[in-house]
């Protein structure tokens, strides 16, 4: 499973610095939406394929979750 954060394209040194600093602020914001699981699945797909075109299912699921969140507010 991919580690939390948006580090799938960063160098390993950047990952270590981020882990020392704590939780990724964007992950914290996404967690508050209730869509963190869909976001992590999308990150895992991107890490595996390195091409968003192969991650359409995950991208749509995350987008739908965020759209539901917008409608609730």
PDB file of N, CA and C in Angstrom:
ATOM      1  N   UNK A   1       0.843  -1.178   0.000  1.00  0.00           N
ATOM      2  CA  UNK A   1       0.000   0.000   0.000  1.00  0.00           C
ATOM      3  C   UNK A   1       0.884   1.236   0.000  1.00  0.00           C
ATOM      4  N   UNK A   2       0.467   2.242  -0.713  1.00  0.00           N
ATOM      5  CA  UNK A   2       1.225   3.489  -0.768  1.00  0.00           C
ATOM      6  C   UNK A   2       1.176   4.185   0.579  1.00  0.00           C
ATOM      7  N   UNK A   3       2.236   4.882   0.885  1.00  0.00           N
ATOM      8  CA  UNK A   3       2.261   5.645   2.122  1.00  0.00           C
ATOM      9  C   UNK A   3       1.393   6.881   1.962  1.00  0.00           C
ATOM     10  N   UNK A   4       0.830   7.392   3.065  1.00  0.00           N
ATOM     11  CA  UNK A   4       0.036   8.605   2.976  1.00  0.00           C
ATOM     12  C   UNK A   4       0.867   9.746   2.406  1.00  0.00           C
ATOM     13  N   UNK A   5       0.193  10.649   1.762  1.00  0.00           N
ATOM     14  CA  UNK A   5       0.876  11.815   1.219  1.00  0.00           C
ATOM     15  C   UNK A   5       0.935  11.774  -0.286  1.00  0.00           C
ATOM     16  N   UNK A   6       1.487  12.796  -0.846  1.00  0.00           N
ATOM     17  CA  UNK A   6       1.557  12.935  -2.295  1.00  0.00           C
ATOM     18  C   UNK A   6       2.995  12.823  -2.729  1.00  0.00           C
ATOM     19  N   UNK A   7       3.592  11.705  -2.418  1.00  0.00           N
ATOM     20  CA  UNK A   7       5.023  11.565  -2.640  1.00  0.00           C
ATOM     21  C   UNK A   7       5.361  10.504  -3.670  1.00  0.00           C
ATOM     22  N   UNK A   8       4.401  10.059  -4.455  1.00  0.00           N
ATOM     23  CA  UNK A   8       4.699   8.967  -5.384  1.00  0.00           C
ATOM     24  C   UNK A   8       5.705   9.372  -6.437  1.00  0.00           C
ATOM     25  N   UNK A   9       5.902  10.667  -6.668  1.00  0.00           N
ATOM     26  CA  UNK A   9       6.864  11.073  -7.685  1.00  0.00           C
ATOM     27  C   UNK A   9       8.078  11.789  -7.088  1.00  0.00           C
ATOM     28  N   UNK A  10       8.162  11.831  -5.785  1.00  0.00           N
ATOM     29  CA  UNK A  10       9.271  12.526  -5.139  1.00  0.00           C
ATOM     30  C   UNK A  10      10.445  11.589  -4.911  1.00  0.00           C
ATOM     31  N   UNK A  11      11.591  12.184  -4.723  1.00  0.00           N
ATOM     32  CA  UNK A  11      12.792  11.415  -4.408  1.00  0.00           C
ATOM     33  C   UNK A  11      12.677  10.864  -2.982  1.00  0.00           C
ATOM     34  N   UNK A  12      13.339   9.740  -2.660  1.00  0.00           N
ATOM     35  CA  UNK A  12      13.256   9.154  -1.325  1.00  0.00           C
ATOM     36  C   UNK A  12      13.610  10.127  -0.200  1.00  0.00           C
ATOM     37  N   UNK A  13      14.565  11.008  -0.394  1.00  0.00           N
ATOM     38  CA  UNK A  13      14.937  11.955   0.656  1.00  0.00           C
ATOM     39  C   UNK A  13      13.751  12.833   1.032  1.00  0.00           C
ATOM     40  N   UNK A  14      12.958  13.242   0.060  1.00  0.00           N
ATOM     41  CA  UNK A  14      11.791  14.075   0.339  1.00  0.00           C
ATOM     42  C   UNK A  14      10.767  13.307   1.172  1.00  0.00           C
ATOM     43  N   UNK A  15      10.617  12.014   0.936  1.00  0.00           N
ATOM     44  CA  UNK A  15       9.687  11.204   1.716  1.00  0.00           C
ATOM     45  C   UNK A  15      10.106  11.164   3.177  1.00  0.00           C
ATOM     46  N   UNK A  16      11.388  10.972   3.423  1.00  0.00           N
ATOM     47  CA  UNK A  16      11.874  10.908   4.798  1.00  0.00           C
ATOM     48  C   UNK A  16      11.645  12.226   5.516  1.00  0.00           C
ATOM     49  N   UNK A  17      11.879  13.333   4.857  1.00  0.00           N
ATOM     50  CA  UNK A  17      11.648  14.644   5.469  1.00  0.00           C
ATOM     51  C   UNK A  17      10.177  14.842   5.778  1.00  0.00           C
ATOM     52  N   UNK A  18       9.303  14.410   4.869  1.00  0.00           N
ATOM     53  CA  UNK A  18       7.875  14.572   5.075  1.00  0.00           C
ATOM     54  C   UNK A  18       7.408  13.756   6.274  1.00  0.00           C
ATOM     55  N   UNK A  19       7.888  12.523   6.401  1.00  0.00           N
ATOM     56  CA  UNK A  19       7.492  11.677   7.525  1.00  0.00           C
ATOM     57  C   UNK A  19       7.925  12.290   8.847  1.00  0.00           C
ATOM     58  N   UNK A  20       9.072  12.933   8.868  1.00  0.00           N
ATOM     59  CA  UNK A  20       9.541  13.563  10.093  1.00  0.00           C
ATOM     60  C   UNK A  20       8.679  14.761  10.457  1.00  0.00           C
ATOM     61  N   UNK A  21       8.144  15.456   9.475  1.00  0.00           N
ATOM     62  CA  UNK A  21       7.342  16.641   9.724  1.00  0.00           C
ATOM     63  C   UNK A  21       5.936  16.292  10.187  1.00  0.00           C
ATOM     64  N   UNK A  22       5.448  15.103   9.935  1.00  0.00           N
ATOM     65  CA  UNK A  22       4.106  14.714  10.334  1.00  0.00           C
ATOM     66  C   UNK A  22       3.218  14.483   9.132  1.00  0.00           C
ATOM     67  N   UNK A  23       1.910  14.515   9.387  1.00  0.00           N
ATOM     68  CA  UNK A  23       0.923  14.217   8.359  1.00  0.00           C
ATOM     69  C   UNK A  23       0.913  15.283   7.268  1.00  0.00           C
ATOM     70  N   UNK A  24       0.715  14.837   6.056  1.00  0.00           N
ATOM     71  CA  UNK A  24       0.595  15.720   4.901  1.00  0.00           C
ATOM     72  C   UNK A  24      -0.667  16.575   5.087  1.00  0.00           C
ATOM     73  N   UNK A  25      -0.564  17.899   4.998  1.00  0.00           N
ATOM     74  CA  UNK A  25      -1.735  18.756   5.205  1.00  0.00           C
ATOM     75  C   UNK A  25      -2.861  18.480   4.208  1.00  0.00           C
ATOM     76  N   UNK A  26      -2.523  18.139   2.966  1.00  0.00           N
ATOM     77  CA  UNK A  26      -3.558  17.831   1.987  1.00  0.00           C
ATOM     78  C   UNK A  26      -4.284  16.541   2.365  1.00  0.00           C
ATOM     79  N   UNK A  27      -3.549  15.537   2.847  1.00  0.00           N
ATOM     80  CA  UNK A  27      -4.195  14.307   3.310  1.00  0.00           C
ATOM     81  C   UNK A  27      -5.137  14.602   4.469  1.00  0.00           C
ATOM     82  N   UNK A  28      -4.736  15.479   5.361  1.00  0.00           N
ATOM     83  CA  UNK A  28      -5.589  15.841   6.499  1.00  0.00           C
ATOM     84  C   UNK A  28      -6.884  16.485   6.008  1.00  0.00           C
ATOM     85  N   UNK A  29      -6.786  17.361   5.019  1.00  0.00           N
ATOM     86  CA  UNK A  29      -7.978  18.003   4.469  1.00  0.00           C
ATOM     87  C   UNK A  29      -8.878  16.989   3.775  1.00  0.00           C
ATOM     88  N   UNK A  30      -8.278  16.072   3.027  1.00  0.00           N
ATOM     89  CA  UNK A  30      -9.068  15.050   2.332  1.00  0.00           C
ATOM     90  C   UNK A  30      -9.721  14.115   3.340  1.00  0.00           C
ATOM     91  N   UNK A  31      -9.028  13.796   4.418  1.00  0.00           N
ATOM     92  CA  UNK A  31      -9.596  12.930   5.455  1.00  0.00           C
ATOM     93  C   UNK A  31     -10.869  13.545   6.029  1.00  0.00           C
ATOM     94  N   UNK A  32     -10.877  14.849   6.179  1.00  0.00           N
ATOM     95  CA  UNK A  32     -12.067  15.523   6.715  1.00  0.00           C
ATOM     96  C   UNK A  32     -13.257  15.439   5.758  1.00  0.00           C
ATOM     97  N   UNK A  33     -13.017  15.172   4.489  1.00  0.00           N
ATOM     98  CA  UNK A  33     -14.117  15.055   3.524  1.00  0.00           C
ATOM     99  C   UNK A  33     -14.776  13.689   3.593  1.00  0.00           C
ATOM    100  N   UNK A  34     -14.091  12.705   4.161  1.00  0.00           N
ATOM    101  CA  UNK A  34     -14.607  11.342   4.173  1.00  0.00           C
ATOM    102  C   UNK A  34     -14.208  10.554   2.933  1.00  0.00           C
ATOM    103  N   UNK A  35     -13.326  11.103   2.116  1.00  0.00           N
ATOM    104  CA  UNK A  35     -12.937  10.472   0.843  1.00  0.00           C
ATOM    105  C   UNK A  35     -11.491   9.980   0.864  1.00  0.00           C
ATOM    106  N   UNK A  36     -10.921   9.807   2.028  1.00  0.00           N
ATOM    107  CA  UNK A  36      -9.505   9.440   2.120  1.00  0.00           C
ATOM    108  C   UNK A  36      -9.231   8.062   1.516  1.00  0.00           C
ATOM    109  N   UNK A  37     -10.116   7.116   1.721  1.00  0.00           N
ATOM    110  CA  UNK A  37      -9.890   5.765   1.185  1.00  0.00           C
ATOM    111  C   UNK A  37      -9.839   5.800  -0.349  1.00  0.00           C
ATOM    112  N   UNK A  38     -10.768   6.519  -0.966  1.00  0.00           N
ATOM    113  CA  UNK A  38     -10.774   6.629  -2.424  1.00  0.00           C
ATOM    114  C   UNK A  38      -9.515   7.349  -2.909  1.00  0.00           C
ATOM    115  N   UNK A  39      -9.094   8.352  -2.174  1.00  0.00           N
ATOM    116  CA  UNK A  39      -7.881   9.092  -2.537  1.00  0.00           C
ATOM    117  C   UNK A  39      -6.653   8.183  -2.463  1.00  0.00           C
ATOM    118  N   UNK A  40      -6.569   7.386  -1.417  1.00  0.00           N
ATOM    119  CA  UNK A  40      -5.417   6.477  -1.279  1.00  0.00           C
ATOM    120  C   UNK A  40      -5.406   5.421  -2.371  1.00  0.00           C
ATOM    121  N   UNK A  41      -6.590   4.926  -2.738  1.00  0.00           N
ATOM    122  CA  UNK A  41      -6.658   3.955  -3.832  1.00  0.00           C
ATOM    123  C   UNK A  41      -6.166   4.587  -5.135  1.00  0.00           C
ATOM    124  N   UNK A  42      -6.532   5.833  -5.363  1.00  0.00           N
ATOM    125  CA  UNK A  42      -6.061   6.547  -6.546  1.00  0.00           C
ATOM    126  C   UNK A  42      -4.545   6.721  -6.497  1.00  0.00           C
ATOM    127  N   UNK A  43      -4.011   7.077  -5.336  1.00  0.00           N
ATOM    128  CA  UNK A  43      -2.561   7.218  -5.187  1.00  0.00           C
ATOM    129  C   UNK A  43      -1.843   5.903  -5.468  1.00  0.00           C
ATOM    130  N   UNK A  44      -2.386   4.802  -4.948  1.00  0.00           N
ATOM    131  CA  UNK A  44      -1.765   3.489  -5.170  1.00  0.00           C
ATOM    132  C   UNK A  44      -1.746   3.154  -6.660  1.00  0.00           C
ATOM    133  N   UNK A  45      -2.847   3.435  -7.344  1.00  0.00           N
ATOM    134  CA  UNK A  45      -2.909   3.170  -8.779  1.00  0.00           C
ATOM    135  C   UNK A  45      -1.873   4.013  -9.519  1.00  0.00           C
ATOM    136  N   UNK A  46      -1.790   5.285  -9.160  1.00  0.00           N
ATOM    137  CA  UNK A  46      -0.819   6.170  -9.811  1.00  0.00           C
ATOM    138  C   UNK A  46       0.616   5.709  -9.538  1.00  0.00           C
ATOM    139  N   UNK A  47       0.858   5.234  -8.333  1.00  0.00           N
ATOM    140  CA  UNK A  47       2.200   4.748  -8.013  1.00  0.00           C
ATOM    141  C   UNK A  47       2.539   3.517  -8.858  1.00  0.00           C
ATOM    142  N   UNK A  48       1.560   2.665  -9.048  1.00  0.00           N
ATOM    143  CA  UNK A  48       1.786   1.435  -9.808  1.00  0.00           C
ATOM    144  C   UNK A  48       1.932   1.712 -11.309  1.00  0.00           C
ATOM    145  N   UNK A  49       1.049   2.535 -11.863  1.00  0.00           N
ATOM    146  CA  UNK A  49       1.005   2.718 -13.315  1.00  0.00           C
ATOM    147  C   UNK A  49       1.724   3.964 -13.826  1.00  0.00           C
ATOM    148  N   UNK A  50       1.846   4.981 -12.971  1.00  0.00           N
ATOM    149  CA  UNK A  50       2.470   6.253 -13.368  1.00  0.00           C
ATOM    150  C   UNK A  50       1.775   6.893 -14.570  1.00  0.00           C
ATOM    151  N   UNK A  51       0.473   6.615 -14.710  1.00  0.00           N
ATOM    152  CA  UNK A  51      -0.290   7.148 -15.832  1.00  0.00           C
ATOM    153  C   UNK A  51      -1.756   7.198 -15.425  1.00  0.00           C
ATOM    154  N   UNK A  52      -2.304   8.396 -15.291  1.00  0.00           N
ATOM    155  CA  UNK A  52      -3.672   8.563 -14.812  1.00  0.00           C
ATOM    156  C   UNK A  52      -4.693   7.872 -15.709  1.00  0.00           C
ATOM    157  N   UNK A  53      -4.357   7.636 -16.955  1.00  0.00           N
ATOM    158  CA  UNK A  53      -5.308   6.983 -17.863  1.00  0.00           C
ATOM    159  C   UNK A  53      -5.610   5.551 -17.433  1.00  0.00           C
ATOM    160  N   UNK A  54      -4.713   4.942 -16.690  1.00  0.00           N
ATOM    161  CA  UNK A  54      -4.922   3.573 -16.201  1.00  0.00           C
ATOM    162  C   UNK A  54      -5.686   3.565 -14.884  1.00  0.00           C
ATOM    163  N   UNK A  55      -5.998   4.725 -14.356  1.00  0.00           N
ATOM    164  CA  UNK A  55      -6.613   4.831 -13.023  1.00  0.00           C
ATOM    165  C   UNK A  55      -7.992   5.480 -13.091  1.00  0.00           C
ATOM    166  N   UNK A  56      -8.683   5.329 -14.196  1.00  0.00           N
ATOM    167  CA  UNK A  56      -9.971   5.990 -14.369  1.00  0.00           C
ATOM    168  C   UNK A  56     -11.010   5.536 -13.344  1.00  0.00           C
ATOM    169  N   UNK A  57     -11.030   4.270 -12.995  1.00  0.00           N
ATOM    170  CA  UNK A  57     -11.999   3.781 -12.015  1.00  0.00           C
ATOM    171  C   UNK A  57     -11.789   4.474 -10.675  1.00  0.00           C
ATOM    172  N   UNK A  58     -10.536   4.521 -10.232  1.00  0.00           N
ATOM    173  CA  UNK A  58     -10.220   5.159  -8.960  1.00  0.00           C
ATOM    174  C   UNK A  58     -10.456   6.667  -9.018  1.00  0.00           C
ATOM    175  N   UNK A  59     -10.118   7.276 -10.145  1.00  0.00           N
ATOM    176  CA  UNK A  59     -10.316   8.712 -10.310  1.00  0.00           C
ATOM    177  C   UNK A  59     -11.796   9.060 -10.243  1.00  0.00           C
ATOM    178  N   UNK A  60     -12.625   8.275 -10.901  1.00  0.00           N
ATOM    179  CA  UNK A  60     -14.075   8.519 -10.873  1.00  0.00           C
ATOM    180  C   UNK A  60     -14.644   8.307  -9.476  1.00  0.00           C
ATOM    181  N   UNK A  61     -14.176   7.279  -8.781  1.00  0.00           N
ATOM    182  CA  UNK A  61     -14.671   7.019  -7.417  1.00  0.00           C
ATOM    183  C   UNK A  61     -14.315   8.172  -6.479  1.00  0.00           C
ATOM    184  N   UNK A  62     -13.101   8.682  -6.593  1.00  0.00           N
ATOM    185  CA  UNK A  62     -12.690   9.811  -5.761  1.00  0.00           C
ATOM    186  C   UNK A  62     -13.491  11.055  -6.134  1.00  0.00           C
ATOM    187  N   UNK A  63     -13.664  11.305  -7.410  1.00  0.00           N
ATOM    188  CA  UNK A  63     -14.442  12.460  -7.861  1.00  0.00           C
ATOM    189  C   UNK A  63     -15.893  12.383  -7.402  1.00  0.00           C
ATOM    190  N   UNK A  64     -16.490  11.198  -7.473  1.00  0.00           N
ATOM    191  CA  UNK A  64     -17.873  11.024  -7.035  1.00  0.00           C
ATOM    192  C   UNK A  64     -18.000  11.258  -5.530  1.00  0.00           C
ATOM    193  N   UNK A  65     -17.035  10.773  -4.773  1.00  0.00           N
ATOM    194  CA  UNK A  65     -17.053  10.980  -3.326  1.00  0.00           C
ATOM    195  C   UNK A  65     -16.964  12.470  -3.008  1.00  0.00           C
ATOM    196  N   UNK A  66     -16.062  13.165  -3.670  1.00  0.00           N
ATOM    197  CA  UNK A  66     -15.916  14.599  -3.428  1.00  0.00           C
ATOM    198  C   UNK A  66     -17.175  15.359  -3.866  1.00  0.00           C
ATOM    199  N   UNK A  67     -17.816  14.932  -4.954  1.00  0.00           N
ATOM    200  CA  UNK A  67     -19.044  15.578  -5.412  1.00  0.00           C
ATOM    201  C   UNK A  67     -20.164  15.379  -4.386  1.00  0.00           C
ATOM    202  N   UNK A  68     -20.262  14.163  -3.819  1.00  0.00           N
ATOM    203  CA  UNK A  68     -21.266  13.926  -2.772  1.00  0.00           C
ATOM    204  C   UNK A  68     -21.011  14.838  -1.585  1.00  0.00           C
ATOM    205  N   UNK A  69     -19.762  15.020  -1.250  1.00  0.00           N
ATOM    206  CA  UNK A  69     -19.386  15.898  -0.133  1.00  0.00           C
ATOM    207  C   UNK A  69     -19.821  17.328  -0.417  1.00  0.00           C
ATOM    208  N   UNK A  70     -19.608  17.787  -1.641  1.00  0.00           N
ATOM    209  CA  UNK A  70     -19.994  19.149  -2.026  1.00  0.00           C
ATOM    210  C   UNK A  70     -21.507  19.338  -1.918  1.00  0.00           C
ATOM    211  N   UNK A  71     -22.263  18.335  -2.334  1.00  0.00           N
ATOM    212  CA  UNK A  71     -23.722  18.433  -2.285  1.00  0.00           C
ATOM    213  C   UNK A  71     -24.230  18.495  -0.847  1.00  0.00           C
ATOM    214  N   UNK A  72     -23.526  17.838   0.082  1.00  0.00           N
ATOM    215  CA  UNK A  72     -23.937  17.839   1.492  1.00  0.00           C
ATOM    216  C   UNK A  72     -23.710  19.193   2.140  1.00  0.00           C
ATOM    217  N   UNK A  73     -22.805  19.969   1.633  1.00  0.00           N
ATOM    218  CA  UNK A  73     -22.477  21.253   2.280  1.00  0.00           C
ATOM    219  C   UNK A  73     -23.336  22.378   1.821  1.00  0.00           C
TER     220      UNK A  73
END
